[in-house]
N, C-alpha and C. Protein backbone atom coordinates (compact mmCIF):
# COMPACT_ATOMS: atom_id res chain seq x y z
N MET A 1 2.36 -11.00 9.55
CA MET A 1 1.96 -12.13 8.59
C MET A 1 2.82 -12.36 7.88
N ASP A 2 3.08 -13.16 6.84
CA ASP A 2 3.99 -13.62 6.07
C ASP A 2 3.82 -12.89 4.47
N ASN A 3 5.02 -11.91 3.87
CA ASN A 3 4.76 -11.25 2.58
C ASN A 3 4.38 -11.65 1.61
N LEU A 4 4.64 -13.21 1.10
CA LEU A 4 4.11 -13.79 0.36
C LEU A 4 2.49 -13.91 0.29
N ILE A 5 2.36 -14.79 1.62
CA ILE A 5 0.84 -14.41 1.89
C ILE A 5 -0.33 -13.10 1.53
N THR A 6 0.36 -12.11 2.31
CA THR A 6 0.03 -10.76 2.62
C THR A 6 -0.10 -10.48 0.71
N GLY A 7 0.49 -10.81 0.17
CA GLY A 7 1.09 -10.41 -1.44
C GLY A 7 0.05 -10.77 -2.10
N GLU A 8 0.02 -12.35 -2.26
CA GLU A 8 -1.40 -13.12 -2.47
C GLU A 8 -3.08 -12.44 -2.39
N ARG A 9 -2.95 -11.92 -1.18
CA ARG A 9 -4.17 -11.41 -1.08
C ARG A 9 -4.33 -10.43 -1.71
N ILE A 10 -3.54 -9.11 -1.38
CA ILE A 10 -3.65 -7.97 -2.40
C ILE A 10 -3.80 -7.92 -3.56
N ALA A 11 -2.66 -9.01 -4.51
CA ALA A 11 -3.69 -9.49 -5.87
C ALA A 11 -4.66 -9.90 -5.88
N ASP A 12 -5.25 -10.81 -5.13
CA ASP A 12 -6.63 -11.53 -4.92
C ASP A 12 -7.78 -10.78 -5.26
N LEU A 13 -7.96 -9.21 -4.11
CA LEU A 13 -8.54 -8.26 -4.00
C LEU A 13 -8.24 -7.60 -4.98
N LEU A 14 -7.32 -7.05 -5.66
CA LEU A 14 -7.54 -6.26 -6.69
C LEU A 14 -7.87 -6.46 -8.03
N SER A 15 -7.41 -7.86 -7.77
CA SER A 15 -8.32 -8.76 -9.36
C SER A 15 -10.10 -9.04 -9.05
N ILE A 16 -10.32 -9.37 -8.16
CA ILE A 16 -11.75 -8.78 -7.91
C ILE A 16 -12.46 -7.67 -7.67
N LYS A 17 -11.84 -6.62 -7.91
CA LYS A 17 -12.31 -5.32 -8.28
C LYS A 17 -12.06 -5.26 -9.58
N GLY A 18 -11.34 -6.16 -10.26
CA GLY A 18 -11.57 -6.08 -11.54
C GLY A 18 -10.08 -4.56 -12.00
N ILE A 19 -8.74 -4.63 -11.03
CA ILE A 19 -8.18 -3.40 -11.31
C ILE A 19 -6.85 -3.97 -12.17
N ASP A 20 -6.27 -3.56 -13.10
CA ASP A 20 -5.03 -3.76 -13.71
C ASP A 20 -4.22 -3.82 -12.97
N PHE A 21 -2.62 -4.56 -12.34
CA PHE A 21 -2.25 -3.88 -11.71
C PHE A 21 -0.70 -4.78 -12.04
N GLU A 22 0.47 -4.29 -11.81
CA GLU A 22 1.73 -4.60 -12.04
C GLU A 22 2.65 -5.00 -10.53
N GLN A 23 2.99 -6.46 -10.19
CA GLN A 23 3.82 -6.74 -9.10
C GLN A 23 4.89 -7.02 -9.53
N LYS A 24 5.64 -6.18 -8.38
CA LYS A 24 7.26 -5.83 -8.70
C LYS A 24 7.72 -5.92 -7.49
N LYS A 25 9.16 -7.30 -7.18
CA LYS A 25 9.90 -7.36 -5.98
C LYS A 25 10.73 -6.38 -5.80
N MET A 26 10.12 -5.46 -4.75
CA MET A 26 11.14 -3.96 -4.05
C MET A 26 10.95 -3.81 -2.67
N PHE A 27 12.11 -3.27 -2.07
CA PHE A 27 12.59 -2.74 -0.89
C PHE A 27 11.79 -4.11 0.07
N GLY A 28 12.45 -5.59 -0.34
CA GLY A 28 12.60 -6.80 0.04
C GLY A 28 11.07 -7.14 0.28
N GLY A 29 10.17 -7.06 -0.54
CA GLY A 29 8.83 -7.31 -0.24
C GLY A 29 8.19 -7.60 -1.77
N LEU A 30 6.86 -7.60 -2.09
CA LEU A 30 5.79 -7.02 -3.24
C LEU A 30 5.36 -5.60 -3.38
N CYS A 31 6.18 -5.12 -4.32
CA CYS A 31 4.91 -3.50 -4.40
C CYS A 31 3.83 -4.17 -5.42
N PHE A 32 2.79 -3.69 -5.56
CA PHE A 32 2.03 -3.57 -6.55
C PHE A 32 1.51 -1.99 -7.06
N LEU A 33 1.63 -1.81 -8.48
CA LEU A 33 1.99 -0.58 -9.23
C LEU A 33 0.30 -0.86 -9.99
N VAL A 34 -0.39 0.47 -10.37
CA VAL A 34 -1.49 0.44 -10.97
C VAL A 34 -0.90 1.84 -11.72
N ASP A 35 -1.16 1.71 -13.23
CA ASP A 35 -1.06 2.79 -13.78
C ASP A 35 0.33 3.69 -14.00
N ASP A 36 1.25 2.91 -13.58
CA ASP A 36 2.82 2.58 -13.26
C ASP A 36 3.44 3.83 -12.15
N LYS A 37 2.24 3.85 -11.32
CA LYS A 37 2.58 4.09 -9.90
C LYS A 37 2.23 3.22 -8.41
N MET A 38 2.78 3.26 -7.80
CA MET A 38 3.37 2.58 -6.45
C MET A 38 2.25 2.35 -5.68
N LEU A 39 1.04 1.68 -5.41
CA LEU A 39 -0.34 1.57 -4.81
C LEU A 39 0.08 1.17 -3.68
N ALA A 40 0.48 0.22 -3.26
CA ALA A 40 0.90 -0.86 -1.93
C ALA A 40 2.24 -1.68 -2.32
N GLY A 41 2.29 -2.27 -1.40
CA GLY A 41 3.26 -3.28 -1.05
C GLY A 41 3.47 -4.00 0.08
N THR A 42 4.01 -5.35 0.25
CA THR A 42 4.50 -5.78 1.18
C THR A 42 5.72 -5.29 2.16
N TYR A 43 5.67 -5.22 3.61
CA TYR A 43 7.02 -4.36 3.57
C TYR A 43 7.14 -4.63 5.41
N LYS A 44 8.25 -5.22 5.69
CA LYS A 44 8.91 -6.15 6.77
C LYS A 44 7.40 -6.53 8.04
N GLY A 45 6.58 -7.63 6.97
CA GLY A 45 5.66 -8.34 7.70
C GLY A 45 4.74 -7.44 7.35
N GLY A 46 4.19 -5.96 7.13
CA GLY A 46 3.17 -5.79 6.77
C GLY A 46 2.66 -4.89 5.85
N VAL A 47 1.81 -4.10 5.34
CA VAL A 47 1.83 -3.17 4.17
C VAL A 47 1.94 -1.75 4.20
N MET A 48 2.62 -1.60 3.26
CA MET A 48 3.16 -0.48 3.14
C MET A 48 2.15 -0.16 1.84
N ALA A 49 1.29 1.50 2.37
CA ALA A 49 0.11 2.00 1.53
C ALA A 49 0.58 3.04 1.33
N ARG A 50 0.55 3.64 -0.35
CA ARG A 50 0.11 5.23 -0.74
C ARG A 50 -1.23 5.51 -0.11
N VAL A 51 -1.16 6.74 0.49
CA VAL A 51 -2.28 7.22 0.57
C VAL A 51 -2.55 8.66 -0.07
N SER A 52 -3.01 9.23 0.26
CA SER A 52 -3.53 10.72 0.14
C SER A 52 -2.67 11.68 1.25
N PRO A 53 -2.01 12.16 0.90
CA PRO A 53 -0.88 13.05 1.85
C PRO A 53 -1.84 13.87 3.04
N GLU A 54 -2.78 14.33 2.50
CA GLU A 54 -4.14 15.30 2.89
C GLU A 54 -4.17 14.30 3.97
N GLU A 55 -4.74 12.75 3.81
CA GLU A 55 -5.53 12.15 4.59
C GLU A 55 -4.77 11.16 5.87
N ALA A 56 -3.35 11.30 5.33
CA ALA A 56 -2.69 10.34 6.25
C ALA A 56 -2.19 10.42 7.72
N ASP A 57 -2.21 11.87 8.33
CA ASP A 57 -2.44 11.94 9.76
C ASP A 57 -2.88 11.34 10.11
N LEU A 58 -4.70 11.38 9.90
CA LEU A 58 -6.17 11.05 10.18
C LEU A 58 -6.00 9.30 10.36
N LEU A 59 -5.63 9.17 8.74
CA LEU A 59 -5.19 7.53 8.85
C LEU A 59 -4.17 6.81 9.93
N ALA A 60 -3.29 7.58 9.53
CA ALA A 60 -2.02 7.10 10.59
C ALA A 60 -2.61 7.03 12.31
N GLU A 61 -3.69 7.64 12.81
CA GLU A 61 -4.24 7.33 14.25
C GLU A 61 -5.29 6.46 14.12
N LYS A 62 -5.36 5.33 13.58
CA LYS A 62 -6.19 4.18 13.33
C LYS A 62 -5.16 3.13 14.42
N PRO A 63 -5.40 2.07 15.10
CA PRO A 63 -4.37 1.38 15.72
C PRO A 63 -4.03 0.33 14.62
N GLY A 64 -2.30 0.21 14.94
CA GLY A 64 -1.76 -0.22 14.29
C GLY A 64 -1.20 0.09 12.84
N VAL A 65 -1.33 1.51 12.46
CA VAL A 65 -0.92 2.22 11.48
C VAL A 65 -0.12 3.55 12.06
N SER A 66 1.00 3.57 11.17
CA SER A 66 2.03 4.90 11.39
C SER A 66 2.48 5.21 10.01
N HIS A 67 2.99 6.56 10.35
CA HIS A 67 3.71 6.91 8.94
C HIS A 67 4.77 6.10 8.97
N MET A 68 5.06 6.36 7.10
CA MET A 68 5.96 5.29 6.88
C MET A 68 7.29 6.12 7.39
N ILE A 69 8.32 5.28 7.88
CA ILE A 69 9.64 5.61 7.90
C ILE A 69 10.96 4.71 6.95
N HIS A 70 11.53 6.09 6.35
CA HIS A 70 12.44 5.25 5.26
C HIS A 70 13.83 6.10 5.29
N ALA A 71 15.10 5.36 5.60
CA ALA A 71 16.25 5.63 5.40
C ALA A 71 16.48 6.95 6.79
N GLY A 72 15.10 6.68 7.96
CA GLY A 72 15.20 8.16 8.89
C GLY A 72 14.37 8.95 8.64
N ARG A 73 13.50 8.99 7.67
CA ARG A 73 12.15 10.19 7.31
C ARG A 73 11.42 9.53 7.15
N ALA A 74 10.26 10.67 7.52
CA ALA A 74 8.53 10.35 7.06
C ALA A 74 8.86 10.28 5.78
N MET A 75 7.79 9.76 5.45
CA MET A 75 7.71 9.67 3.63
C MET A 75 6.28 10.19 3.20
N PRO A 76 6.10 11.33 3.31
CA PRO A 76 4.82 12.00 2.82
C PRO A 76 3.92 10.91 2.49
N GLY A 77 2.55 10.38 2.46
CA GLY A 77 1.38 9.98 1.79
C GLY A 77 1.58 8.24 1.95
N TYR A 78 2.67 7.86 2.82
CA TYR A 78 2.84 6.63 3.00
C TYR A 78 2.43 6.22 4.30
N LEU A 79 1.71 5.04 4.67
CA LEU A 79 1.36 4.25 5.75
C LEU A 79 1.95 2.83 6.04
N MET A 80 2.19 2.95 7.25
CA MET A 80 2.99 1.45 7.52
C MET A 80 1.54 0.70 8.05
N ILE A 81 1.17 -0.29 8.11
CA ILE A 81 -0.03 -0.81 8.50
C ILE A 81 0.32 -1.96 8.97
N GLU A 82 0.34 -2.48 10.09
CA GLU A 82 0.61 -3.83 10.99
C GLU A 82 -0.47 -5.05 10.48
N SER A 83 -0.25 -6.18 10.77
CA SER A 83 -0.84 -7.19 10.31
C SER A 83 -2.45 -6.95 10.82
N GLU A 84 -2.50 -6.45 12.27
CA GLU A 84 -3.69 -6.83 13.02
C GLU A 84 -4.63 -5.76 12.57
N ALA A 85 -3.99 -4.94 11.79
CA ALA A 85 -4.76 -3.88 10.94
C ALA A 85 -5.47 -4.29 9.80
N TYR A 86 -4.95 -5.09 9.45
CA TYR A 86 -5.33 -5.61 7.92
C TYR A 86 -5.60 -7.53 8.00
N GLU A 87 -6.06 -7.88 8.95
CA GLU A 87 -6.34 -9.55 9.58
C GLU A 87 -7.80 -10.35 8.67
N GLU A 88 -8.63 -9.35 8.43
CA GLU A 88 -9.86 -9.48 7.70
C GLU A 88 -9.93 -8.85 6.43
N ASP A 89 -10.20 -9.69 5.47
CA ASP A 89 -10.62 -9.11 4.05
C ASP A 89 -10.96 -7.93 3.85
N GLU A 90 -11.73 -7.43 4.75
CA GLU A 90 -12.66 -6.28 4.41
C GLU A 90 -11.42 -5.09 4.75
N ALA A 91 -10.53 -5.21 6.04
CA ALA A 91 -9.66 -4.61 6.59
C ALA A 91 -8.72 -4.04 5.29
N LEU A 92 -8.63 -5.05 4.82
CA LEU A 92 -7.35 -5.07 4.16
C LEU A 92 -8.16 -4.09 2.72
N GLY A 93 -9.46 -4.66 2.61
CA GLY A 93 -10.12 -3.48 1.29
C GLY A 93 -10.14 -2.65 1.35
N PHE A 94 -10.17 -2.13 2.78
CA PHE A 94 -10.21 -0.67 3.13
C PHE A 94 -9.31 0.18 2.97
N TRP A 95 -8.17 -0.48 2.94
CA TRP A 95 -6.75 0.31 2.71
C TRP A 95 -6.11 -0.09 1.41
N LEU A 96 -6.92 -0.75 0.57
CA LEU A 96 -6.43 -0.84 -0.86
C LEU A 96 -7.60 0.31 -1.62
N ASP A 97 -8.62 0.46 -0.75
CA ASP A 97 -9.51 1.37 -1.27
C ASP A 97 -8.83 2.76 -1.23
N LYS A 98 -8.00 3.07 0.07
CA LYS A 98 -8.09 4.59 0.29
C LYS A 98 -6.79 4.63 -0.80
N CYS A 99 -5.78 3.38 -0.92
CA CYS A 99 -4.66 3.50 -2.49
C CYS A 99 -5.59 3.88 -3.49
N LEU A 100 -6.10 3.22 -3.66
CA LEU A 100 -6.67 2.89 -5.28
C LEU A 100 -7.59 4.34 -5.46
N GLU A 101 -8.18 5.18 -4.06
CA GLU A 101 -8.93 6.20 -4.31
C GLU A 101 -7.73 7.39 -4.77
N TYR A 102 -6.56 7.88 -3.99
CA TYR A 102 -5.30 8.69 -4.26
C TYR A 102 -4.52 8.60 -5.69
N ASN A 103 -4.39 7.17 -5.92
CA ASN A 103 -3.89 6.64 -7.28
C ASN A 103 -3.68 7.62 -8.36
N PRO A 104 -5.35 7.81 -8.82
CA PRO A 104 -5.09 8.91 -9.93
C PRO A 104 -4.46 9.84 -9.55
N LYS A 105 -4.37 10.63 -8.71
CA LYS A 105 -3.70 12.11 -8.02
C LYS A 105 -2.02 11.48 -8.25
N ALA A 106 -1.25 10.59 -7.63
CA ALA A 106 -0.54 10.40 -7.45
C ALA A 106 0.88 10.81 -8.57
N LYS A 107 1.77 10.79 -8.54
CA LYS A 107 2.67 11.18 -9.38
C LYS A 107 3.37 9.45 -9.42
N SER A 108 3.52 9.70 -10.91
CA SER A 108 4.04 8.27 -11.72
C SER A 108 5.42 7.94 -11.16
N SER A 109 5.57 6.93 -10.83
CA SER A 109 6.71 6.00 -10.22
C SER A 109 7.76 6.18 -11.22
N LYS A 110 7.12 6.08 -12.82
CA LYS A 110 8.10 5.28 -14.08
C LYS A 110 9.11 6.31 -14.53
N LYS A 111 10.31 6.11 -14.69
CA LYS A 111 11.08 7.09 -15.49
C LYS A 111 10.85 7.20 -16.62
N LYS A 112 10.87 8.81 -16.51
CA LYS A 112 11.07 9.27 -18.05
C LYS A 112 12.23 8.69 -19.02
N LYS A 113 11.99 8.38 -20.40
CA LYS A 113 13.22 8.29 -20.76
C LYS A 113 13.37 8.96 -21.54
């Protein structure tokens, strides 16, 4: 699925949920931040999702989902979700809910001054 279309879907679902978010171009796609923390993003035709590291292994067992690999190593708490695993808005909403559930516990991406 196209990164731009997926990005629009993510933005629409976050808006419907009443979530304040920031959108940035990162990693060759769009990243969505909530409270200065990376929530999810479009990446290589799929969705990169930041979820609870404790729940990541279980979620990675779902079809079309794997651990995010960047620079040759797995990134704890980050999943790569292929388009077939979020074709329906309900499925994309599930992944965003998982990201939003973890977001308050996640470390801020913002650089300290």
